[in-house]
Amino acid sequence: MEKKFAPAHPVNENLGVLLGLVRGEIVRDIESEMTALGMDLKFNQFLILKRLARLGPMSATELARAVELDAGAMTRQLDQLEKKGYLRRCPHEQDRRALRIELTEAGAAVWGQLSDCNDRVLAAAQRSLTDLEKNQLHEYLARVLHALRDKT
């Protein structure tokens, strides 16, 4: 007798619940991969390294906005990542009062490993989708995000 697939959560959950469940699984899988690589990092730290690697140096405020952390949480994460040697705070070239956050060589090397982890987790999350469905999912989620951000 063939065993039928039973989802852990009903498929008819509302959009908010489903998005939260998907995000939670991605967070767990990425943290699990980082642990397997021997990296003592949390998901928010992963996101900070990812944003800096992809977007380059930026202010702590810009970075907090990019990873959706409040100022206090961002400061704690930056302190921990700086202590590990993955990033540094540098004076801003035009504004002496401001600091720019940038990856160190060690941070860039760690992101090199984490980027593969990111790709594996996201590929596994979409493994049951065709290429067309992956493109449609991306388009639909981009449209939902745009609708949520459009306040007019």
N, C-alpha and C. Protein backbone atom coordinates (compact mmCIF):
# COMPACT_ATOMS: atom_id res chain seq x y z
N MET A 1 0.83 -1.17 0.00
CA MET A 1 0.00 0.00 0.00
C MET A 1 0.89 1.25 0.00
N GLU A 2 0.65 2.14 -0.93
CA GLU A 2 1.45 3.36 -1.07
C GLU A 2 1.02 4.39 -0.05
N LYS A 3 2.02 4.96 0.62
CA LYS A 3 1.75 5.99 1.61
C LYS A 3 1.55 7.33 0.93
N LYS A 4 0.48 8.02 1.27
CA LYS A 4 0.19 9.33 0.69
C LYS A 4 0.90 10.41 1.48
N PHE A 5 1.31 11.46 0.77
CA PHE A 5 1.97 12.61 1.39
C PHE A 5 0.93 13.41 2.15
N ALA A 6 1.20 13.63 3.41
CA ALA A 6 0.30 14.46 4.23
C ALA A 6 1.09 15.67 4.71
N PRO A 7 0.74 16.86 4.23
CA PRO A 7 1.47 18.04 4.68
C PRO A 7 1.36 18.23 6.18
N ALA A 8 2.43 18.77 6.78
CA ALA A 8 2.43 19.01 8.22
C ALA A 8 1.38 20.05 8.61
N HIS A 9 1.07 20.95 7.68
CA HIS A 9 0.08 21.99 7.91
C HIS A 9 -0.88 21.98 6.73
N PRO A 10 -2.14 22.26 6.98
CA PRO A 10 -3.10 22.26 5.87
C PRO A 10 -2.69 23.24 4.78
N VAL A 11 -2.87 22.82 3.53
CA VAL A 11 -2.50 23.63 2.38
C VAL A 11 -3.40 24.86 2.27
N ASN A 12 -4.56 24.81 2.87
CA ASN A 12 -5.50 25.92 2.73
C ASN A 12 -5.29 27.03 3.77
N GLU A 13 -4.10 27.10 4.37
CA GLU A 13 -3.79 28.19 5.30
C GLU A 13 -3.85 29.52 4.55
N ASN A 14 -4.09 30.60 5.27
CA ASN A 14 -4.12 31.89 4.60
C ASN A 14 -2.69 32.29 4.18
N LEU A 15 -2.60 33.30 3.33
CA LEU A 15 -1.33 33.72 2.76
C LEU A 15 -0.31 34.07 3.83
N GLY A 16 -0.71 34.82 4.83
CA GLY A 16 0.22 35.23 5.89
C GLY A 16 0.80 34.05 6.63
N VAL A 17 -0.03 33.08 6.97
CA VAL A 17 0.43 31.89 7.68
C VAL A 17 1.38 31.10 6.79
N LEU A 18 1.01 30.89 5.53
CA LEU A 18 1.87 30.13 4.62
C LEU A 18 3.23 30.80 4.44
N LEU A 19 3.23 32.11 4.24
CA LEU A 19 4.51 32.82 4.08
C LEU A 19 5.36 32.68 5.34
N GLY A 20 4.74 32.78 6.50
CA GLY A 20 5.46 32.61 7.75
C GLY A 20 6.03 31.22 7.91
N LEU A 21 5.25 30.20 7.54
CA LEU A 21 5.72 28.81 7.62
C LEU A 21 6.90 28.57 6.67
N VAL A 22 6.79 29.09 5.46
CA VAL A 22 7.88 28.93 4.47
C VAL A 22 9.14 29.62 5.00
N ARG A 23 9.00 30.84 5.48
CA ARG A 23 10.16 31.57 6.01
C ARG A 23 10.79 30.80 7.17
N GLY A 24 9.96 30.29 8.06
CA GLY A 24 10.47 29.53 9.20
C GLY A 24 11.28 28.31 8.78
N GLU A 25 10.79 27.59 7.78
CA GLU A 25 11.53 26.41 7.28
C GLU A 25 12.85 26.82 6.64
N ILE A 26 12.85 27.92 5.88
CA ILE A 26 14.08 28.39 5.25
C ILE A 26 15.09 28.79 6.32
N VAL A 27 14.63 29.52 7.35
CA VAL A 27 15.52 29.92 8.44
C VAL A 27 16.13 28.70 9.10
N ARG A 28 15.30 27.71 9.45
CA ARG A 28 15.80 26.49 10.11
C ARG A 28 16.81 25.76 9.23
N ASP A 29 16.51 25.64 7.94
CA ASP A 29 17.42 24.91 7.05
C ASP A 29 18.75 25.64 6.89
N ILE A 30 18.71 26.96 6.76
CA ILE A 30 19.97 27.72 6.62
C ILE A 30 20.77 27.64 7.91
N GLU A 31 20.12 27.79 9.06
CA GLU A 31 20.85 27.67 10.32
C GLU A 31 21.43 26.27 10.51
N SER A 32 20.69 25.26 10.08
CA SER A 32 21.19 23.89 10.15
C SER A 32 22.42 23.70 9.27
N GLU A 33 22.38 24.25 8.06
CA GLU A 33 23.54 24.17 7.15
C GLU A 33 24.74 24.89 7.75
N MET A 34 24.51 26.06 8.35
CA MET A 34 25.63 26.81 8.94
C MET A 34 26.24 26.02 10.10
N THR A 35 25.39 25.38 10.91
CA THR A 35 25.89 24.56 12.01
C THR A 35 26.71 23.40 11.47
N ALA A 36 26.23 22.76 10.41
CA ALA A 36 26.96 21.64 9.80
C ALA A 36 28.32 22.08 9.27
N LEU A 37 28.42 23.35 8.85
CA LEU A 37 29.70 23.89 8.37
C LEU A 37 30.59 24.35 9.53
N GLY A 38 30.08 24.24 10.76
CA GLY A 38 30.85 24.65 11.92
C GLY A 38 30.84 26.14 12.17
N MET A 39 29.85 26.83 11.61
CA MET A 39 29.75 28.28 11.77
C MET A 39 28.78 28.61 12.90
N ASP A 40 29.23 29.44 13.80
CA ASP A 40 28.41 29.86 14.93
C ASP A 40 27.71 31.17 14.56
N LEU A 41 26.71 31.06 13.69
CA LEU A 41 25.97 32.23 13.21
C LEU A 41 24.48 31.97 13.29
N LYS A 42 23.73 33.03 13.48
CA LYS A 42 22.27 32.97 13.44
C LYS A 42 21.79 33.54 12.11
N PHE A 43 20.51 33.34 11.82
CA PHE A 43 19.95 33.75 10.54
C PHE A 43 20.10 35.25 10.30
N ASN A 44 19.85 36.08 11.31
CA ASN A 44 20.00 37.52 11.11
C ASN A 44 21.43 37.90 10.75
N GLN A 45 22.40 37.22 11.33
CA GLN A 45 23.80 37.47 10.97
C GLN A 45 24.07 37.04 9.54
N PHE A 46 23.49 35.91 9.14
CA PHE A 46 23.57 35.45 7.76
C PHE A 46 23.04 36.54 6.81
N LEU A 47 21.87 37.11 7.16
CA LEU A 47 21.27 38.15 6.31
C LEU A 47 22.16 39.39 6.22
N ILE A 48 22.77 39.77 7.33
CA ILE A 48 23.65 40.94 7.33
C ILE A 48 24.84 40.70 6.40
N LEU A 49 25.47 39.55 6.52
CA LEU A 49 26.60 39.23 5.64
C LEU A 49 26.16 39.19 4.17
N LYS A 50 24.99 38.64 3.93
CA LYS A 50 24.46 38.55 2.57
C LYS A 50 24.25 39.94 1.97
N ARG A 51 23.60 40.82 2.72
CA ARG A 51 23.34 42.18 2.22
C ARG A 51 24.64 42.93 1.94
N LEU A 52 25.60 42.83 2.87
CA LEU A 52 26.87 43.52 2.66
C LEU A 52 27.62 42.95 1.46
N ALA A 53 27.57 41.63 1.29
CA ALA A 53 28.25 41.00 0.16
C ALA A 53 27.62 41.42 -1.17
N ARG A 54 26.31 41.54 -1.19
CA ARG A 54 25.60 41.84 -2.44
C ARG A 54 25.48 43.33 -2.72
N LEU A 55 25.35 44.15 -1.68
CA LEU A 55 25.10 45.58 -1.88
C LEU A 55 26.30 46.45 -1.56
N GLY A 56 27.31 45.91 -0.89
CA GLY A 56 28.49 46.68 -0.54
C GLY A 56 28.30 47.46 0.76
N PRO A 57 29.33 48.24 1.13
CA PRO A 57 29.28 48.99 2.39
C PRO A 57 28.08 49.92 2.47
N MET A 58 27.56 50.07 3.69
CA MET A 58 26.41 50.96 3.92
C MET A 58 26.38 51.34 5.38
N SER A 59 25.54 52.30 5.70
CA SER A 59 25.40 52.71 7.09
C SER A 59 24.63 51.64 7.87
N ALA A 60 24.76 51.70 9.19
CA ALA A 60 24.03 50.75 10.04
C ALA A 60 22.52 50.92 9.87
N THR A 61 22.08 52.16 9.66
CA THR A 61 20.65 52.42 9.45
C THR A 61 20.16 51.78 8.16
N GLU A 62 20.94 51.95 7.08
CA GLU A 62 20.57 51.33 5.80
C GLU A 62 20.55 49.81 5.92
N LEU A 63 21.54 49.28 6.60
CA LEU A 63 21.64 47.83 6.77
C LEU A 63 20.48 47.31 7.62
N ALA A 64 20.15 48.02 8.69
CA ALA A 64 19.02 47.61 9.53
C ALA A 64 17.73 47.58 8.73
N ARG A 65 17.54 48.58 7.89
CA ARG A 65 16.35 48.63 7.03
C ARG A 65 16.36 47.45 6.05
N ALA A 66 17.53 47.13 5.49
CA ALA A 66 17.65 46.06 4.49
C ALA A 66 17.35 44.68 5.07
N VAL A 67 17.66 44.49 6.35
CA VAL A 67 17.41 43.18 6.97
C VAL A 67 16.26 43.21 7.97
N GLU A 68 15.58 44.36 8.06
CA GLU A 68 14.41 44.53 8.89
C GLU A 68 14.67 44.25 10.37
N LEU A 69 15.70 44.93 10.91
CA LEU A 69 16.00 44.87 12.34
C LEU A 69 15.90 46.28 12.92
N ASP A 70 15.53 46.37 14.19
CA ASP A 70 15.54 47.69 14.82
C ASP A 70 16.98 48.06 15.19
N ALA A 71 17.20 49.32 15.56
CA ALA A 71 18.55 49.83 15.79
C ALA A 71 19.28 49.06 16.90
N GLY A 72 18.58 48.73 17.98
CA GLY A 72 19.23 48.01 19.07
C GLY A 72 19.67 46.62 18.66
N ALA A 73 18.78 45.90 17.98
CA ALA A 73 19.12 44.55 17.51
C ALA A 73 20.27 44.61 16.51
N MET A 74 20.25 45.61 15.64
CA MET A 74 21.32 45.74 14.64
C MET A 74 22.66 45.97 15.34
N THR A 75 22.69 46.84 16.33
CA THR A 75 23.95 47.11 17.04
C THR A 75 24.50 45.83 17.67
N ARG A 76 23.64 45.03 18.29
CA ARG A 76 24.08 43.76 18.90
C ARG A 76 24.65 42.82 17.85
N GLN A 77 23.96 42.70 16.71
CA GLN A 77 24.43 41.81 15.65
C GLN A 77 25.77 42.29 15.08
N LEU A 78 25.88 43.60 14.86
CA LEU A 78 27.13 44.16 14.33
C LEU A 78 28.27 43.94 15.31
N ASP A 79 28.02 44.13 16.61
CA ASP A 79 29.06 43.89 17.62
C ASP A 79 29.55 42.45 17.55
N GLN A 80 28.62 41.50 17.45
CA GLN A 80 29.00 40.08 17.41
C GLN A 80 29.78 39.75 16.14
N LEU A 81 29.32 40.26 15.00
CA LEU A 81 30.01 39.98 13.74
C LEU A 81 31.37 40.67 13.68
N GLU A 82 31.47 41.85 14.28
CA GLU A 82 32.77 42.54 14.33
C GLU A 82 33.74 41.76 15.22
N LYS A 83 33.25 41.25 16.35
CA LYS A 83 34.08 40.46 17.26
C LYS A 83 34.61 39.20 16.56
N LYS A 84 33.81 38.62 15.67
CA LYS A 84 34.23 37.43 14.92
C LYS A 84 35.19 37.78 13.78
N GLY A 85 35.32 39.09 13.50
CA GLY A 85 36.22 39.53 12.44
C GLY A 85 35.62 39.54 11.06
N TYR A 86 34.27 39.49 10.97
CA TYR A 86 33.60 39.41 9.67
C TYR A 86 33.24 40.76 9.06
N LEU A 87 33.20 41.79 9.90
CA LEU A 87 32.91 43.13 9.37
C LEU A 87 33.62 44.17 10.20
N ARG A 88 33.64 45.38 9.67
CA ARG A 88 34.25 46.50 10.41
C ARG A 88 33.43 47.75 10.16
N ARG A 89 33.53 48.63 11.12
CA ARG A 89 32.89 49.95 11.02
C ARG A 89 33.98 50.92 10.59
N CYS A 90 33.76 51.61 9.48
CA CYS A 90 34.75 52.54 8.93
C CYS A 90 34.15 53.93 8.84
N PRO A 91 34.99 54.98 8.99
CA PRO A 91 34.48 56.34 8.83
C PRO A 91 33.93 56.55 7.42
N HIS A 92 32.85 57.30 7.35
CA HIS A 92 32.25 57.64 6.06
C HIS A 92 33.14 58.69 5.38
N GLU A 93 33.33 58.56 4.07
CA GLU A 93 34.22 59.48 3.36
C GLU A 93 33.72 60.92 3.35
N GLN A 94 32.41 61.14 3.21
CA GLN A 94 31.87 62.49 3.13
C GLN A 94 31.36 63.05 4.46
N ASP A 95 31.02 62.18 5.40
CA ASP A 95 30.42 62.62 6.65
C ASP A 95 31.23 62.03 7.82
N ARG A 96 32.04 62.86 8.47
CA ARG A 96 32.91 62.38 9.54
C ARG A 96 32.14 61.83 10.72
N ARG A 97 30.88 62.23 10.88
CA ARG A 97 30.07 61.75 12.00
C ARG A 97 29.52 60.35 11.75
N ALA A 98 29.48 59.93 10.50
CA ALA A 98 28.83 58.67 10.14
C ALA A 98 29.86 57.54 9.97
N LEU A 99 29.36 56.32 10.12
CA LEU A 99 30.18 55.12 9.89
C LEU A 99 29.57 54.30 8.77
N ARG A 100 30.42 53.60 8.06
CA ARG A 100 29.98 52.65 7.03
C ARG A 100 30.34 51.26 7.53
N ILE A 101 29.48 50.31 7.30
CA ILE A 101 29.72 48.92 7.68
C ILE A 101 30.17 48.20 6.43
N GLU A 102 31.29 47.47 6.54
CA GLU A 102 31.78 46.73 5.38
C GLU A 102 32.32 45.37 5.81
N LEU A 103 32.30 44.43 4.87
CA LEU A 103 32.85 43.10 5.14
C LEU A 103 34.37 43.18 5.19
N THR A 104 34.96 42.36 6.04
CA THR A 104 36.41 42.17 6.03
C THR A 104 36.71 41.04 5.04
N GLU A 105 37.98 40.75 4.84
CA GLU A 105 38.33 39.60 3.98
C GLU A 105 37.76 38.31 4.57
N ALA A 106 37.83 38.18 5.89
CA ALA A 106 37.27 36.99 6.54
C ALA A 106 35.76 36.91 6.33
N GLY A 107 35.08 38.05 6.41
CA GLY A 107 33.64 38.09 6.17
C GLY A 107 33.29 37.70 4.75
N ALA A 108 34.06 38.19 3.79
CA ALA A 108 33.82 37.83 2.39
C ALA A 108 34.07 36.35 2.16
N ALA A 109 35.08 35.79 2.82
CA ALA A 109 35.36 34.36 2.69
C ALA A 109 34.22 33.53 3.28
N VAL A 110 33.72 33.95 4.44
CA VAL A 110 32.59 33.24 5.06
C VAL A 110 31.37 33.32 4.15
N TRP A 111 31.12 34.51 3.57
CA TRP A 111 29.98 34.62 2.68
C TRP A 111 30.16 33.69 1.48
N GLY A 112 31.38 33.50 1.00
CA GLY A 112 31.62 32.56 -0.09
C GLY A 112 31.09 31.17 0.23
N GLN A 113 31.27 30.74 1.46
CA GLN A 113 30.73 29.44 1.89
C GLN A 113 29.21 29.50 2.08
N LEU A 114 28.74 30.60 2.66
CA LEU A 114 27.32 30.72 2.95
C LEU A 114 26.48 30.88 1.69
N SER A 115 27.04 31.46 0.67
CA SER A 115 26.29 31.66 -0.56
C SER A 115 25.89 30.32 -1.17
N ASP A 116 26.78 29.31 -1.08
CA ASP A 116 26.43 27.97 -1.55
C ASP A 116 25.30 27.38 -0.70
N CYS A 117 25.37 27.61 0.61
CA CYS A 117 24.34 27.14 1.54
C CYS A 117 23.00 27.77 1.17
N ASN A 118 23.00 29.07 0.94
CA ASN A 118 21.80 29.80 0.53
C ASN A 118 21.21 29.19 -0.75
N ASP A 119 22.06 28.97 -1.74
CA ASP A 119 21.60 28.40 -3.01
C ASP A 119 21.01 27.01 -2.83
N ARG A 120 21.65 26.17 -2.01
CA ARG A 120 21.15 24.81 -1.78
C ARG A 120 19.77 24.82 -1.11
N VAL A 121 19.63 25.64 -0.09
CA VAL A 121 18.36 25.69 0.64
C VAL A 121 17.24 26.19 -0.26
N LEU A 122 17.50 27.26 -1.01
CA LEU A 122 16.45 27.80 -1.89
C LEU A 122 16.13 26.84 -3.04
N ALA A 123 17.13 26.14 -3.55
CA ALA A 123 16.88 25.14 -4.60
C ALA A 123 16.03 24.00 -4.04
N ALA A 124 16.34 23.54 -2.84
CA ALA A 124 15.56 22.46 -2.22
C ALA A 124 14.12 22.91 -1.97
N ALA A 125 13.94 24.17 -1.59
CA ALA A 125 12.60 24.68 -1.32
C ALA A 125 11.74 24.68 -2.58
N GLN A 126 12.37 24.78 -3.74
CA GLN A 126 11.64 24.88 -5.00
C GLN A 126 11.75 23.61 -5.85
N ARG A 127 12.26 22.54 -5.28
CA ARG A 127 12.54 21.34 -6.07
C ARG A 127 11.30 20.71 -6.71
N SER A 128 10.13 20.94 -6.14
CA SER A 128 8.92 20.34 -6.71
C SER A 128 8.28 21.23 -7.77
N LEU A 129 8.91 22.36 -8.09
CA LEU A 129 8.35 23.30 -9.07
C LEU A 129 9.08 23.19 -10.40
N THR A 130 8.33 23.37 -11.48
CA THR A 130 8.96 23.46 -12.79
C THR A 130 9.61 24.83 -12.92
N ASP A 131 10.43 25.01 -13.94
CA ASP A 131 11.05 26.32 -14.16
C ASP A 131 9.99 27.40 -14.35
N LEU A 132 8.94 27.08 -15.08
CA LEU A 132 7.85 28.03 -15.29
C LEU A 132 7.19 28.39 -13.95
N GLU A 133 6.93 27.39 -13.12
CA GLU A 133 6.31 27.64 -11.82
C GLU A 133 7.22 28.47 -10.91
N LYS A 134 8.53 28.22 -10.96
CA LYS A 134 9.48 29.03 -10.17
C LYS A 134 9.40 30.49 -10.60
N ASN A 135 9.38 30.73 -11.91
CA ASN A 135 9.28 32.10 -12.41
C ASN A 135 7.95 32.74 -12.02
N GLN A 136 6.87 31.98 -12.11
CA GLN A 136 5.56 32.50 -11.73
C GLN A 136 5.51 32.82 -10.23
N LEU A 137 6.04 31.93 -9.40
CA LEU A 137 6.05 32.16 -7.96
C LEU A 137 6.81 33.45 -7.65
N HIS A 138 7.97 33.61 -8.27
CA HIS A 138 8.77 34.82 -8.05
C HIS A 138 7.98 36.06 -8.48
N GLU A 139 7.35 35.99 -9.64
CA GLU A 139 6.56 37.12 -10.13
C GLU A 139 5.39 37.44 -9.19
N TYR A 140 4.68 36.41 -8.75
CA TYR A 140 3.54 36.62 -7.87
C TYR A 140 3.98 37.24 -6.54
N LEU A 141 5.05 36.72 -5.95
CA LEU A 141 5.52 37.26 -4.68
C LEU A 141 6.02 38.69 -4.83
N ALA A 142 6.68 38.99 -5.95
CA ALA A 142 7.12 40.37 -6.21
C ALA A 142 5.92 41.30 -6.32
N ARG A 143 4.86 40.84 -6.96
CA ARG A 143 3.65 41.66 -7.09
C ARG A 143 2.97 41.86 -5.74
N VAL A 144 2.93 40.82 -4.91
CA VAL A 144 2.34 40.95 -3.57
C VAL A 144 3.16 41.96 -2.76
N LEU A 145 4.48 41.85 -2.82
CA LEU A 145 5.34 42.79 -2.11
C LEU A 145 5.11 44.22 -2.59
N HIS A 146 5.03 44.40 -3.89
CA HIS A 146 4.78 45.73 -4.45
C HIS A 146 3.44 46.28 -3.96
N ALA A 147 2.42 45.43 -3.96
CA ALA A 147 1.09 45.87 -3.51
C ALA A 147 1.11 46.28 -2.04
N LEU A 148 1.86 45.54 -1.23
CA LEU A 148 1.95 45.87 0.19
C LEU A 148 2.71 47.17 0.44
N ARG A 149 3.71 47.42 -0.39
CA ARG A 149 4.52 48.64 -0.22
C ARG A 149 3.87 49.86 -0.86
N ASP A 150 2.96 49.65 -1.81
CA ASP A 150 2.32 50.77 -2.50
C ASP A 150 1.20 51.31 -1.61
N LYS A 151 1.42 52.44 -1.01
CA LYS A 151 0.45 52.99 -0.07
C LYS A 151 -0.54 53.95 -0.73
N THR A 152 -0.52 54.03 -2.06
CA THR A 152 -1.45 54.94 -2.75
C THR A 152 -2.74 54.25 -3.09
